């Protein structure tokens, strides 16, 4: 589901509709023909958007713990197969999908579109 948001500065897209844009321009004394505002489309995030491959972090944490507690000599042979790393990444992703609703956050898609207030907009 694509949602369009609006901005007065082209960076903070926090206005949900054109009437909000016009209200904000009016309340700040900037509602006049020729004033520029912006829009951009957004879609909800999915777990894959926010979930990095965690296996490298877990393996590094295990290695750091062994190194700190036992020393360099004990790190030999601590190689985790790629298939095992993928398995951990899949498990972590499923956990995020089950327990964290990231769909309440949105990511931009497409380009920022510039709009110009018309005299008709001002007269409304």
PDB file of N, CA and C in Angstrom:
ATOM      1  N   UNK A   1       0.847  -1.173   0.000  1.00  0.00           N
ATOM      2  CA  UNK A   1       0.000   0.000   0.000  1.00  0.00           C
ATOM      3  C   UNK A   1       0.893   1.235   0.000  1.00  0.00           C
ATOM      4  N   UNK A   2       0.841   1.988  -1.057  1.00  0.00           N
ATOM      5  CA  UNK A   2       1.636   3.203  -1.184  1.00  0.00           C
ATOM      6  C   UNK A   2       0.886   4.374  -0.572  1.00  0.00           C
ATOM      7  N   UNK A   3       1.620   5.186   0.161  1.00  0.00           N
ATOM      8  CA  UNK A   3       1.052   6.360   0.817  1.00  0.00           C
ATOM      9  C   UNK A   3       1.875   7.571   0.382  1.00  0.00           C
ATOM     10  N   UNK A   4       1.212   8.664   0.057  1.00  0.00           N
ATOM     11  CA  UNK A   4       1.917   9.886  -0.306  1.00  0.00           C
ATOM     12  C   UNK A   4       1.941  10.831   0.888  1.00  0.00           C
ATOM     13  N   UNK A   5       3.127  11.375   1.161  1.00  0.00           N
ATOM     14  CA  UNK A   5       3.298  12.378   2.208  1.00  0.00           C
ATOM     15  C   UNK A   5       3.874  13.634   1.581  1.00  0.00           C
ATOM     16  N   UNK A   6       3.677  14.745   2.276  1.00  0.00           N
ATOM     17  CA  UNK A   6       4.066  16.044   1.738  1.00  0.00           C
ATOM     18  C   UNK A   6       5.051  16.731   2.673  1.00  0.00           C
ATOM     19  N   UNK A   7       5.787  17.669   2.082  1.00  0.00           N
ATOM     20  CA  UNK A   7       6.818  18.386   2.817  1.00  0.00           C
ATOM     21  C   UNK A   7       6.898  19.823   2.329  1.00  0.00           C
ATOM     22  N   UNK A   8       7.236  20.714   3.246  1.00  0.00           N
ATOM     23  CA  UNK A   8       7.450  22.109   2.836  1.00  0.00           C
ATOM     24  C   UNK A   8       8.904  22.373   2.473  1.00  0.00           C
ATOM     25  N   UNK A   9       9.805  21.505   2.944  1.00  0.00           N
ATOM     26  CA  UNK A   9      11.225  21.740   2.693  1.00  0.00           C
ATOM     27  C   UNK A   9      11.903  20.657   1.849  1.00  0.00           C
ATOM     28  N   UNK A  10      11.167  19.618   1.478  1.00  0.00           N
ATOM     29  CA  UNK A  10      11.733  18.567   0.631  1.00  0.00           C
ATOM     30  C   UNK A  10      12.522  17.522   1.401  1.00  0.00           C
ATOM     31  N   UNK A  11      12.523  17.619   2.739  1.00  0.00           N
ATOM     32  CA  UNK A  11      13.255  16.613   3.505  1.00  0.00           C
ATOM     33  C   UNK A  11      12.420  15.973   4.603  1.00  0.00           C
ATOM     34  N   UNK A  12      11.527  16.735   5.211  1.00  0.00           N
ATOM     35  CA  UNK A  12      10.691  16.214   6.299  1.00  0.00           C
ATOM     36  C   UNK A  12       9.276  16.010   5.764  1.00  0.00           C
ATOM     37  N   UNK A  13       8.947  14.765   5.421  1.00  0.00           N
ATOM     38  CA  UNK A  13       7.648  14.458   4.817  1.00  0.00           C
ATOM     39  C   UNK A  13       6.674  14.050   5.920  1.00  0.00           C
ATOM     40  N   UNK A  14       6.152  15.053   6.624  1.00  0.00           N
ATOM     41  CA  UNK A  14       5.303  14.788   7.780  1.00  0.00           C
ATOM     42  C   UNK A  14       3.871  15.281   7.615  1.00  0.00           C
ATOM     43  N   UNK A  15       3.523  15.742   6.432  1.00  0.00           N
ATOM     44  CA  UNK A  15       2.168  16.219   6.164  1.00  0.00           C
ATOM     45  C   UNK A  15       1.440  15.158   5.340  1.00  0.00           C
ATOM     46  N   UNK A  16       0.217  14.818   5.775  1.00  0.00           N
ATOM     47  CA  UNK A  16      -0.470  13.659   5.215  1.00  0.00           C
ATOM     48  C   UNK A  16      -1.368  13.951   4.021  1.00  0.00           C
ATOM     49  N   UNK A  17      -1.687  15.210   3.785  1.00  0.00           N
ATOM     50  CA  UNK A  17      -2.529  15.537   2.635  1.00  0.00           C
ATOM     51  C   UNK A  17      -2.308  16.997   2.245  1.00  0.00           C
ATOM     52  N   UNK A  18      -2.850  17.361   1.087  1.00  0.00           N
ATOM     53  CA  UNK A  18      -2.618  18.706   0.561  1.00  0.00           C
ATOM     54  C   UNK A  18      -3.266  19.765   1.449  1.00  0.00           C
ATOM     55  N   UNK A  19      -4.397  19.447   2.068  1.00  0.00           N
ATOM     56  CA  UNK A  19      -5.009  20.448   2.948  1.00  0.00           C
ATOM     57  C   UNK A  19      -4.100  20.746   4.145  1.00  0.00           C
ATOM     58  N   UNK A  20      -3.366  19.748   4.609  1.00  0.00           N
ATOM     59  CA  UNK A  20      -2.385  19.985   5.677  1.00  0.00           C
ATOM     60  C   UNK A  20      -1.261  20.888   5.198  1.00  0.00           C
ATOM     61  N   UNK A  21      -0.867  20.715   3.948  1.00  0.00           N
ATOM     62  CA  UNK A  21       0.164  21.581   3.357  1.00  0.00           C
ATOM     63  C   UNK A  21      -0.333  23.021   3.333  1.00  0.00           C
ATOM     64  N   UNK A  22      -1.554  23.201   2.828  1.00  0.00           N
ATOM     65  CA  UNK A  22      -2.103  24.552   2.727  1.00  0.00           C
ATOM     66  C   UNK A  22      -2.302  25.178   4.114  1.00  0.00           C
ATOM     67  N   UNK A  23      -2.778  24.400   5.078  1.00  0.00           N
ATOM     68  CA  UNK A  23      -2.946  24.899   6.445  1.00  0.00           C
ATOM     69  C   UNK A  23      -1.616  25.340   7.041  1.00  0.00           C
ATOM     70  N   UNK A  24      -0.590  24.527   6.840  1.00  0.00           N
ATOM     71  CA  UNK A  24       0.735  24.861   7.375  1.00  0.00           C
ATOM     72  C   UNK A  24       1.290  26.118   6.708  1.00  0.00           C
ATOM     73  N   UNK A  25       1.132  26.213   5.397  1.00  0.00           N
ATOM     74  CA  UNK A  25       1.592  27.421   4.697  1.00  0.00           C
ATOM     75  C   UNK A  25       0.822  28.648   5.184  1.00  0.00           C
ATOM     76  N   UNK A  26      -0.472  28.520   5.362  1.00  0.00           N
ATOM     77  CA  UNK A  26      -1.299  29.638   5.834  1.00  0.00           C
ATOM     78  C   UNK A  26      -0.878  30.058   7.241  1.00  0.00           C
ATOM     79  N   UNK A  27      -0.705  29.087   8.130  1.00  0.00           N
ATOM     80  CA  UNK A  27      -0.389  29.416   9.528  1.00  0.00           C
ATOM     81  C   UNK A  27       0.993  30.033   9.688  1.00  0.00           C
ATOM     82  N   UNK A  28       1.866  29.822   8.717  1.00  0.00           N
ATOM     83  CA  UNK A  28       3.207  30.411   8.789  1.00  0.00           C
ATOM     84  C   UNK A  28       3.352  31.627   7.866  1.00  0.00           C
ATOM     85  N   UNK A  29       2.219  32.068   7.295  1.00  0.00           N
ATOM     86  CA  UNK A  29       2.246  33.256   6.437  1.00  0.00           C
ATOM     87  C   UNK A  29       2.911  33.054   5.093  1.00  0.00           C
ATOM     88  N   UNK A  30       2.973  31.821   4.630  1.00  0.00           N
ATOM     89  CA  UNK A  30       3.648  31.546   3.351  1.00  0.00           C
ATOM     90  C   UNK A  30       2.702  31.046   2.263  1.00  0.00           C
ATOM     91  N   UNK A  31       1.393  31.137   2.489  1.00  0.00           N
ATOM     92  CA  UNK A  31       0.441  30.664   1.486  1.00  0.00           C
ATOM     93  C   UNK A  31       0.267  31.738   0.418  1.00  0.00           C
ATOM     94  N   UNK A  32       1.026  31.581  -0.647  1.00  0.00           N
ATOM     95  CA  UNK A  32       0.923  32.498  -1.788  1.00  0.00           C
ATOM     96  C   UNK A  32       1.296  31.747  -3.053  1.00  0.00           C
ATOM     97  N   UNK A  33       0.770  32.212  -4.163  1.00  0.00           N
ATOM     98  CA  UNK A  33       1.060  31.578  -5.450  1.00  0.00           C
ATOM     99  C   UNK A  33       2.571  31.581  -5.680  1.00  0.00           C
ATOM    100  N   UNK A  34       3.077  30.455  -6.138  1.00  0.00           N
ATOM    101  CA  UNK A  34       4.505  30.322  -6.412  1.00  0.00           C
ATOM    102  C   UNK A  34       5.291  29.622  -5.319  1.00  0.00           C
ATOM    103  N   UNK A  35       4.693  29.464  -4.143  1.00  0.00           N
ATOM    104  CA  UNK A  35       5.385  28.750  -3.068  1.00  0.00           C
ATOM    105  C   UNK A  35       5.522  27.275  -3.443  1.00  0.00           C
ATOM    106  N   UNK A  36       6.688  26.731  -3.182  1.00  0.00           N
ATOM    107  CA  UNK A  36       6.981  25.346  -3.541  1.00  0.00           C
ATOM    108  C   UNK A  36       6.754  24.431  -2.340  1.00  0.00           C
ATOM    109  N   UNK A  37       6.160  23.262  -2.602  1.00  0.00           N
ATOM    110  CA  UNK A  37       6.083  22.179  -1.623  1.00  0.00           C
ATOM    111  C   UNK A  37       6.367  20.877  -2.358  1.00  0.00           C
ATOM    112  N   UNK A  38       6.519  19.796  -1.617  1.00  0.00           N
ATOM    113  CA  UNK A  38       7.005  18.555  -2.201  1.00  0.00           C
ATOM    114  C   UNK A  38       6.133  17.374  -1.779  1.00  0.00           C
ATOM    115  N   UNK A  39       6.167  16.325  -2.585  1.00  0.00           N
ATOM    116  CA  UNK A  39       5.510  15.072  -2.219  1.00  0.00           C
ATOM    117  C   UNK A  39       6.438  13.920  -2.540  1.00  0.00           C
ATOM    118  N   UNK A  40       6.207  12.824  -1.837  1.00  0.00           N
ATOM    119  CA  UNK A  40       6.945  11.594  -2.117  1.00  0.00           C
ATOM    120  C   UNK A  40       6.090  10.421  -1.672  1.00  0.00           C
ATOM    121  N   UNK A  41       6.228   9.327  -2.403  1.00  0.00           N
ATOM    122  CA  UNK A  41       5.504   8.102  -2.065  1.00  0.00           C
ATOM    123  C   UNK A  41       6.316   7.279  -1.073  1.00  0.00           C
ATOM    124  N   UNK A  42       5.578   6.616  -0.178  1.00  0.00           N
ATOM    125  CA  UNK A  42       6.192   5.770   0.839  1.00  0.00           C
ATOM    126  C   UNK A  42       5.435   4.452   0.914  1.00  0.00           C
ATOM    127  N   UNK A  43       6.145   3.399   1.286  1.00  0.00           N
ATOM    128  CA  UNK A  43       5.530   2.088   1.519  1.00  0.00           C
ATOM    129  C   UNK A  43       5.955   1.610   2.906  1.00  0.00           C
ATOM    130  N   UNK A  44       5.124   0.780   3.532  1.00  0.00           N
ATOM    131  CA  UNK A  44       5.490   0.264   4.855  1.00  0.00           C
ATOM    132  C   UNK A  44       6.764  -0.583   4.789  1.00  0.00           C
ATOM    133  N   UNK A  45       7.548  -0.518   5.846  1.00  0.00           N
ATOM    134  CA  UNK A  45       8.720  -1.382   5.944  1.00  0.00           C
ATOM    135  C   UNK A  45       8.280  -2.829   6.153  1.00  0.00           C
ATOM    136  N   UNK A  46       9.132  -3.733   5.721  1.00  0.00           N
ATOM    137  CA  UNK A  46       8.971  -5.151   6.022  1.00  0.00           C
ATOM    138  C   UNK A  46      10.228  -5.583   6.778  1.00  0.00           C
ATOM    139  N   UNK A  47      10.159  -6.712   7.442  1.00  0.00           N
ATOM    140  CA  UNK A  47      11.270  -7.165   8.286  1.00  0.00           C
ATOM    141  C   UNK A  47      12.593  -7.215   7.520  1.00  0.00           C
ATOM    142  N   UNK A  48      12.548  -7.625   6.266  1.00  0.00           N
ATOM    143  CA  UNK A  48      13.772  -7.715   5.464  1.00  0.00           C
ATOM    144  C   UNK A  48      14.447  -6.352   5.288  1.00  0.00           C
ATOM    145  N   UNK A  49      13.676  -5.269   5.386  1.00  0.00           N
ATOM    146  CA  UNK A  49      14.249  -3.926   5.242  1.00  0.00           C
ATOM    147  C   UNK A  49      15.104  -3.531   6.435  1.00  0.00           C
ATOM    148  N   UNK A  50      14.799  -4.066   7.596  1.00  0.00           N
ATOM    149  CA  UNK A  50      15.471  -3.619   8.817  1.00  0.00           C
ATOM    150  C   UNK A  50      16.330  -4.686   9.471  1.00  0.00           C
ATOM    151  N   UNK A  51      16.264  -5.888   8.969  1.00  0.00           N
ATOM    152  CA  UNK A  51      16.975  -6.999   9.607  1.00  0.00           C
ATOM    153  C   UNK A  51      18.271  -7.293   8.874  1.00  0.00           C
ATOM    154  N   UNK A  52      19.399  -6.936   9.460  1.00  0.00           N
ATOM    155  CA  UNK A  52      20.674  -7.256   8.811  1.00  0.00           C
ATOM    156  C   UNK A  52      20.994  -8.738   8.983  1.00  0.00           C
ATOM    157  N   UNK A  53      21.966  -9.187   8.257  1.00  0.00           N
ATOM    158  CA  UNK A  53      22.432 -10.560   8.451  1.00  0.00           C
ATOM    159  C   UNK A  53      23.105 -10.616   9.821  1.00  0.00           C
ATOM    160  N   UNK A  54      22.485 -11.291  10.768  1.00  0.00           N
ATOM    161  CA  UNK A  54      22.979 -11.285  12.146  1.00  0.00           C
ATOM    162  C   UNK A  54      24.072 -12.315  12.400  1.00  0.00           C
ATOM    163  N   UNK A  55      24.205 -13.260  11.514  1.00  0.00           N
ATOM    164  CA  UNK A  55      25.163 -14.333  11.766  1.00  0.00           C
ATOM    165  C   UNK A  55      26.577 -13.796  11.959  1.00  0.00           C
ATOM    166  N   UNK A  56      26.961 -12.790  11.180  1.00  0.00           N
ATOM    167  CA  UNK A  56      28.329 -12.268  11.328  1.00  0.00           C
ATOM    168  C   UNK A  56      28.515 -11.627  12.703  1.00  0.00           C
ATOM    169  N   UNK A  57      27.460 -10.986  13.226  1.00  0.00           N
ATOM    170  CA  UNK A  57      27.547 -10.389  14.560  1.00  0.00           C
ATOM    171  C   UNK A  57      27.660 -11.455  15.637  1.00  0.00           C
ATOM    172  N   UNK A  58      26.880 -12.520  15.501  1.00  0.00           N
ATOM    173  CA  UNK A  58      26.905 -13.601  16.486  1.00  0.00           C
ATOM    174  C   UNK A  58      28.265 -14.290  16.479  1.00  0.00           C
ATOM    175  N   UNK A  59      28.774 -14.596  15.301  1.00  0.00           N
ATOM    176  CA  UNK A  59      30.074 -15.258  15.194  1.00  0.00           C
ATOM    177  C   UNK A  59      31.161 -14.358  15.773  1.00  0.00           C
ATOM    178  N   UNK A  60      31.123 -13.062  15.450  1.00  0.00           N
ATOM    179  CA  UNK A  60      32.114 -12.128  16.001  1.00  0.00           C
ATOM    180  C   UNK A  60      32.020 -12.042  17.517  1.00  0.00           C
ATOM    181  N   UNK A  61      30.802 -12.064  18.054  1.00  0.00           N
ATOM    182  CA  UNK A  61      30.606 -12.022  19.502  1.00  0.00           C
ATOM    183  C   UNK A  61      31.196 -13.265  20.166  1.00  0.00           C
ATOM    184  N   UNK A  62      30.960 -14.430  19.575  1.00  0.00           N
ATOM    185  CA  UNK A  62      31.517 -15.672  20.109  1.00  0.00           C
ATOM    186  C   UNK A  62      33.043 -15.617  20.066  1.00  0.00           C
ATOM    187  N   UNK A  63      33.598 -15.172  18.936  1.00  0.00           N
ATOM    188  CA  UNK A  63      35.053 -15.078  18.809  1.00  0.00           C
ATOM    189  C   UNK A  63      35.634 -14.103  19.830  1.00  0.00           C
ATOM    190  N   UNK A  64      34.981 -12.942  19.991  1.00  0.00           N
ATOM    191  CA  UNK A  64      35.461 -11.960  20.972  1.00  0.00           C
ATOM    192  C   UNK A  64      35.434 -12.520  22.388  1.00  0.00           C
ATOM    193  N   UNK A  65      34.379 -13.248  22.707  1.00  0.00           N
ATOM    194  CA  UNK A  65      34.258 -13.832  24.039  1.00  0.00           C
ATOM    195  C   UNK A  65      35.356 -14.866  24.276  1.00  0.00           C
ATOM    196  N   UNK A  66      35.583 -15.723  23.304  1.00  0.00           N
ATOM    197  CA  UNK A  66      36.652 -16.725  23.426  1.00  0.00           C
ATOM    198  C   UNK A  66      38.002 -16.036  23.543  1.00  0.00           C
ATOM    199  N   UNK A  67      38.235 -15.042  22.702  1.00  0.00           N
ATOM    200  CA  UNK A  67      39.497 -14.312  22.727  1.00  0.00           C
ATOM    201  C   UNK A  67      39.723 -13.668  24.098  1.00  0.00           C
ATOM    202  N   UNK A  68      38.703 -13.016  24.636  1.00  0.00           N
ATOM    203  CA  UNK A  68      38.824 -12.320  25.914  1.00  0.00           C
ATOM    204  C   UNK A  68      39.001 -13.284  27.090  1.00  0.00           C
ATOM    205  N   UNK A  69      38.363 -14.430  27.007  1.00  0.00           N
ATOM    206  CA  UNK A  69      38.413 -15.365  28.144  1.00  0.00           C
ATOM    207  C   UNK A  69      39.555 -16.370  28.052  1.00  0.00           C
ATOM    208  N   UNK A  70      39.902 -16.759  26.810  1.00  0.00           N
ATOM    209  CA  UNK A  70      40.869 -17.842  26.667  1.00  0.00           C
ATOM    210  C   UNK A  70      42.140 -17.463  25.907  1.00  0.00           C
ATOM    211  N   UNK A  71      42.079 -16.467  25.042  1.00  0.00           N
ATOM    212  CA  UNK A  71      43.255 -16.065  24.274  1.00  0.00           C
ATOM    213  C   UNK A  71      43.193 -16.508  22.824  1.00  0.00           C
ATOM    214  N   UNK A  72      44.158 -15.985  22.043  1.00  0.00           N
ATOM    215  CA  UNK A  72      44.220 -16.225  20.598  1.00  0.00           C
ATOM    216  C   UNK A  72      44.293 -17.692  20.206  1.00  0.00           C
ATOM    217  N   UNK A  73      44.997 -18.466  20.974  1.00  0.00           N
ATOM    218  CA  UNK A  73      45.247 -19.858  20.598  1.00  0.00           C
ATOM    219  C   UNK A  73      43.959 -20.671  20.465  1.00  0.00           C
ATOM    220  N   UNK A  74      42.907 -20.254  21.132  1.00  0.00           N
ATOM    221  CA  UNK A  74      41.672 -21.032  21.125  1.00  0.00           C
ATOM    222  C   UNK A  74      40.724 -20.655  19.987  1.00  0.00           C
ATOM    223  N   UNK A  75      41.093 -19.657  19.192  1.00  0.00           N
ATOM    224  CA  UNK A  75      40.248 -19.253  18.063  1.00  0.00           C
ATOM    225  C   UNK A  75      40.434 -20.153  16.844  1.00  0.00           C
ATOM    226  N   UNK A  76      41.480 -20.927  16.842  1.00  0.00           N
ATOM    227  CA  UNK A  76      41.739 -21.809  15.705  1.00  0.00           C
ATOM    228  C   UNK A  76      40.581 -22.772  15.519  1.00  0.00           C
ATOM    229  N   UNK A  77      40.151 -22.928  14.306  1.00  0.00           N
ATOM    230  CA  UNK A  77      39.098 -23.885  14.008  1.00  0.00           C
ATOM    231  C   UNK A  77      37.687 -23.373  14.247  1.00  0.00           C
ATOM    232  N   UNK A  78      37.556 -22.107  14.565  1.00  0.00           N
ATOM    233  CA  UNK A  78      36.215 -21.558  14.798  1.00  0.00           C
ATOM    234  C   UNK A  78      35.691 -20.947  13.498  1.00  0.00           C
ATOM    235  N   UNK A  79      35.456 -21.791  12.531  1.00  0.00           N
ATOM    236  CA  UNK A  79      34.912 -21.364  11.256  1.00  0.00           C
ATOM    237  C   UNK A  79      33.480 -21.884  11.160  1.00  0.00           C
ATOM    238  N   UNK A  80      32.557 -20.984  10.917  1.00  0.00           N
ATOM    239  CA  UNK A  80      31.147 -21.356  10.827  1.00  0.00           C
ATOM    240  C   UNK A  80      30.786 -21.467   9.348  1.00  0.00           C
ATOM    241  N   UNK A  81      30.262 -22.625   8.926  1.00  0.00           N
ATOM    242  CA  UNK A  81      29.911 -22.799   7.513  1.00  0.00           C
ATOM    243  C   UNK A  81      28.867 -21.774   7.060  1.00  0.00           C
ATOM    244  N   UNK A  82      28.932 -21.422   5.803  1.00  0.00           N
ATOM    245  CA  UNK A  82      27.986 -20.460   5.234  1.00  0.00           C
ATOM    246  C   UNK A  82      26.555 -20.952   5.412  1.00  0.00           C
ATOM    247  N   UNK A  83      26.324 -22.231   5.263  1.00  0.00           N
ATOM    248  CA  UNK A  83      24.966 -22.772   5.419  1.00  0.00           C
ATOM    249  C   UNK A  83      24.451 -22.551   6.843  1.00  0.00           C
ATOM    250  N   UNK A  84      25.312 -22.650   7.823  1.00  0.00           N
ATOM    251  CA  UNK A  84      24.909 -22.418   9.218  1.00  0.00           C
ATOM    252  C   UNK A  84      24.621 -20.933   9.457  1.00  0.00           C
ATOM    253  N   UNK A  85      25.409 -20.068   8.818  1.00  0.00           N
ATOM    254  CA  UNK A  85      25.162 -18.634   8.931  1.00  0.00           C
ATOM    255  C   UNK A  85      23.807 -18.268   8.331  1.00  0.00           C
ATOM    256  N   UNK A  86      23.504 -18.846   7.179  1.00  0.00           N
ATOM    257  CA  UNK A  86      22.200 -18.597   6.541  1.00  0.00           C
ATOM    258  C   UNK A  86      21.043 -19.092   7.419  1.00  0.00           C
ATOM    259  N   UNK A  87      21.254 -20.225   8.055  1.00  0.00           N
ATOM    260  CA  UNK A  87      20.235 -20.772   8.951  1.00  0.00           C
ATOM    261  C   UNK A  87      19.955 -19.805  10.098  1.00  0.00           C
ATOM    262  N   UNK A  88      21.003 -19.257  10.696  1.00  0.00           N
ATOM    263  CA  UNK A  88      20.831 -18.299  11.785  1.00  0.00           C
ATOM    264  C   UNK A  88      20.147 -17.030  11.295  1.00  0.00           C
ATOM    265  N   UNK A  89      20.540 -16.532  10.137  1.00  0.00           N
ATOM    266  CA  UNK A  89      19.909 -15.335   9.582  1.00  0.00           C
ATOM    267  C   UNK A  89      18.414 -15.561   9.353  1.00  0.00           C
ATOM    268  N   UNK A  90      18.055 -16.746   8.854  1.00  0.00           N
ATOM    269  CA  UNK A  90      16.642 -17.074   8.607  1.00  0.00           C
ATOM    270  C   UNK A  90      15.867 -17.132   9.922  1.00  0.00           C
ATOM    271  N   UNK A  91      16.444 -17.763  10.939  1.00  0.00           N
ATOM    272  CA  UNK A  91      15.791 -17.840  12.252  1.00  0.00           C
ATOM    273  C   UNK A  91      15.577 -16.447  12.846  1.00  0.00           C
ATOM    274  N   UNK A  92      16.581 -15.594  12.749  1.00  0.00           N
ATOM    275  CA  UNK A  92      16.479 -14.240  13.302  1.00  0.00           C
ATOM    276  C   UNK A  92      15.419 -13.436  12.553  1.00  0.00           C
ATOM    277  N   UNK A  93      15.366 -13.585  11.241  1.00  0.00           N
ATOM    278  CA  UNK A  93      14.365 -12.876  10.451  1.00  0.00           C
ATOM    279  C   UNK A  93      12.954 -13.331  10.831  1.00  0.00           C
ATOM    280  N   UNK A  94      12.760 -14.606  10.991  1.00  0.00           N
ATOM    281  CA  UNK A  94      11.453 -15.118  11.399  1.00  0.00           C
ATOM    282  C   UNK A  94      11.061 -14.598  12.781  1.00  0.00           C
ATOM    283  N   UNK A  95      12.024 -14.486  13.684  1.00  0.00           N
ATOM    284  CA  UNK A  95      11.758 -13.953  15.014  1.00  0.00           C
ATOM    285  C   UNK A  95      11.294 -12.501  14.924  1.00  0.00           C
ATOM    286  N   UNK A  96      11.977 -11.703  14.105  1.00  0.00           N
ATOM    287  CA  UNK A  96      11.587 -10.296  13.927  1.00  0.00           C
ATOM    288  C   UNK A  96      10.183 -10.215  13.342  1.00  0.00           C
ATOM    289  N   UNK A  97       9.892 -11.019  12.344  1.00  0.00           N
ATOM    290  CA  UNK A  97       8.553 -11.012  11.739  1.00  0.00           C
ATOM    291  C   UNK A  97       7.476 -11.344  12.766  1.00  0.00           C
ATOM    292  N   UNK A  98       7.777 -12.243  13.674  1.00  0.00           N
ATOM    293  CA  UNK A  98       6.804 -12.682  14.663  1.00  0.00           C
ATOM    294  C   UNK A  98       6.612 -11.660  15.792  1.00  0.00           C
ATOM    295  N   UNK A  99       7.673 -10.967  16.198  1.00  0.00           N
ATOM    296  CA  UNK A  99       7.623 -10.181  17.424  1.00  0.00           C
ATOM    297  C   UNK A  99       7.723  -8.664  17.257  1.00  0.00           C
ATOM    298  N   UNK A 100       8.087  -8.187  16.085  1.00  0.00           N
ATOM    299  CA  UNK A 100       8.265  -6.741  15.900  1.00  0.00           C
ATOM    300  C   UNK A 100       7.494  -6.287  14.658  1.00  0.00           C
ATOM    301  N   UNK A 101       6.538  -5.398  14.857  1.00  0.00           N
ATOM    302  CA  UNK A 101       5.751  -4.871  13.735  1.00  0.00           C
ATOM    303  C   UNK A 101       6.444  -3.641  13.163  1.00  0.00           C
ATOM    304  N   UNK A 102       7.217  -3.848  12.106  1.00  0.00           N
ATOM    305  CA  UNK A 102       7.920  -2.720  11.488  1.00  0.00           C
ATOM    306  C   UNK A 102       7.061  -2.018  10.439  1.00  0.00           C
ATOM    307  N   UNK A 103       5.874  -2.555  10.167  1.00  0.00           N
ATOM    308  CA  UNK A 103       5.020  -1.967   9.128  1.00  0.00           C
ATOM    309  C   UNK A 103       4.441  -0.618   9.537  1.00  0.00           C
ATOM    310  N   UNK A 104       4.626  -0.225  10.785  1.00  0.00           N
ATOM    311  CA  UNK A 104       4.160   1.102  11.215  1.00  0.00           C
ATOM    312  C   UNK A 104       5.125   2.190  10.765  1.00  0.00           C
ATOM    313  N   UNK A 105       6.268   1.787  10.219  1.00  0.00           N
ATOM    314  CA  UNK A 105       7.268   2.720   9.693  1.00  0.00           C
ATOM    315  C   UNK A 105       7.258   2.631   8.171  1.00  0.00           C
ATOM    316  N   UNK A 106       7.619   3.735   7.537  1.00  0.00           N
ATOM    317  CA  UNK A 106       7.564   3.796   6.074  1.00  0.00           C
ATOM    318  C   UNK A 106       8.924   4.139   5.488  1.00  0.00           C
ATOM    319  N   UNK A 107       9.150   3.644   4.273  1.00  0.00           N
ATOM    320  CA  UNK A 107      10.368   4.000   3.538  1.00  0.00           C
ATOM    321  C   UNK A 107       9.968   4.675   2.234  1.00  0.00           C
ATOM    322  N   UNK A 108      10.772   5.636   1.799  1.00  0.00           N
ATOM    323  CA  UNK A 108      10.447   6.341   0.559  1.00  0.00           C
ATOM    324  C   UNK A 108      10.685   5.452  -0.663  1.00  0.00           C
ATOM    325  N   UNK A 109       9.828   5.645  -1.657  1.00  0.00           N
ATOM    326  CA  UNK A 109      10.000   4.982  -2.950  1.00  0.00           C
ATOM    327  C   UNK A 109       9.818   6.046  -4.032  1.00  0.00           C
ATOM    328  N   UNK A 110      10.534   5.907  -5.095  1.00  0.00           N
ATOM    329  CA  UNK A 110      10.411   6.881  -6.174  1.00  0.00           C
ATOM    330  C   UNK A 110      11.110   8.190  -5.847  1.00  0.00           C
ATOM    331  N   UNK A 111      10.822   9.167  -6.661  1.00  0.00           N
ATOM    332  CA  UNK A 111      11.487  10.464  -6.543  1.00  0.00           C
ATOM    333  C   UNK A 111      10.611  11.469  -5.823  1.00  0.00           C
ATOM    334  N   UNK A 112      11.272  12.455  -5.250  1.00  0.00           N
ATOM    335  CA  UNK A 112      10.571  13.591  -4.660  1.00  0.00           C
ATOM    336  C   UNK A 112      10.006  14.426  -5.811  1.00  0.00           C
ATOM    337  N   UNK A 113       8.737  14.811  -5.672  1.00  0.00           N
ATOM    338  CA  UNK A 113       8.071  15.606  -6.707  1.00  0.00           C
ATOM    339  C   UNK A 113       7.857  17.020  -6.167  1.00  0.00           C
ATOM    340  N   UNK A 114       8.233  17.993  -6.972  1.00  0.00           N
ATOM    341  CA  UNK A 114       8.054  19.396  -6.591  1.00  0.00           C
ATOM    342  C   UNK A 114       6.711  19.901  -7.108  1.00  0.00           C
ATOM    343  N   UNK A 115       5.985  20.608  -6.247  1.00  0.00           N
ATOM    344  CA  UNK A 115       4.700  21.206  -6.607  1.00  0.00           C
ATOM    345  C   UNK A 115       4.768  22.701  -6.323  1.00  0.00           C
ATOM    346  N   UNK A 116       3.937  23.460  -7.011  1.00  0.00           N
ATOM    347  CA  UNK A 116       3.883  24.899  -6.814  1.00  0.00           C
ATOM    348  C   UNK A 116       2.448  25.294  -6.476  1.00  0.00           C
ATOM    349  N   UNK A 117       2.305  26.094  -5.431  1.00  0.00           N
ATOM    350  CA  UNK A 117       0.989  26.611  -5.054  1.00  0.00           C
ATOM    351  C   UNK A 117       0.498  27.527  -6.162  1.00  0.00           C
ATOM    352  N   UNK A 118      -0.743  27.320  -6.591  1.00  0.00           N
ATOM    353  CA  UNK A 118      -1.333  28.168  -7.623  1.00  0.00           C
ATOM    354  C   UNK A 118      -2.216  29.234  -6.973  1.00  0.00           C
ATOM    355  N   UNK A 119      -2.620  30.207  -7.773  1.00  0.00           N
ATOM    356  CA  UNK A 119      -3.540  31.219  -7.256  1.00  0.00           C
ATOM    357  C   UNK A 119      -4.875  30.581  -6.868  1.00  0.00           C
ATOM    358  N   UNK A 120      -5.267  29.567  -7.599  1.00  0.00           N
ATOM    359  CA  UNK A 120      -6.496  28.841  -7.278  1.00  0.00           C
ATOM    360  C   UNK A 120      -6.410  28.205  -5.882  1.00  0.00           C
ATOM    361  N   UNK A 121      -5.215  27.644  -5.554  1.00  0.00           N
ATOM    362  CA  UNK A 121      -4.997  27.076  -4.215  1.00  0.00           C
ATOM    363  C   UNK A 121      -5.165  28.145  -3.141  1.00  0.00           C
ATOM    364  N   UNK A 122      -4.623  29.315  -3.408  1.00  0.00           N
ATOM    365  CA  UNK A 122      -4.662  30.415  -2.436  1.00  0.00           C
ATOM    366  C   UNK A 122      -6.102  30.884  -2.218  1.00  0.00           C
ATOM    367  N   UNK A 123      -6.874  30.949  -3.308  1.00  0.00           N
ATOM    368  CA  UNK A 123      -8.242  31.464  -3.249  1.00  0.00           C
ATOM    369  C   UNK A 123      -9.214  30.513  -2.539  1.00  0.00           C
ATOM    370  N   UNK A 124      -8.844  29.236  -2.406  1.00  0.00           N
ATOM    371  CA  UNK A 124      -9.756  28.256  -1.777  1.00  0.00           C
ATOM    372  C   UNK A 124      -9.891  28.425  -0.320  1.00  0.00           C
TER     373      UNK A 124
END
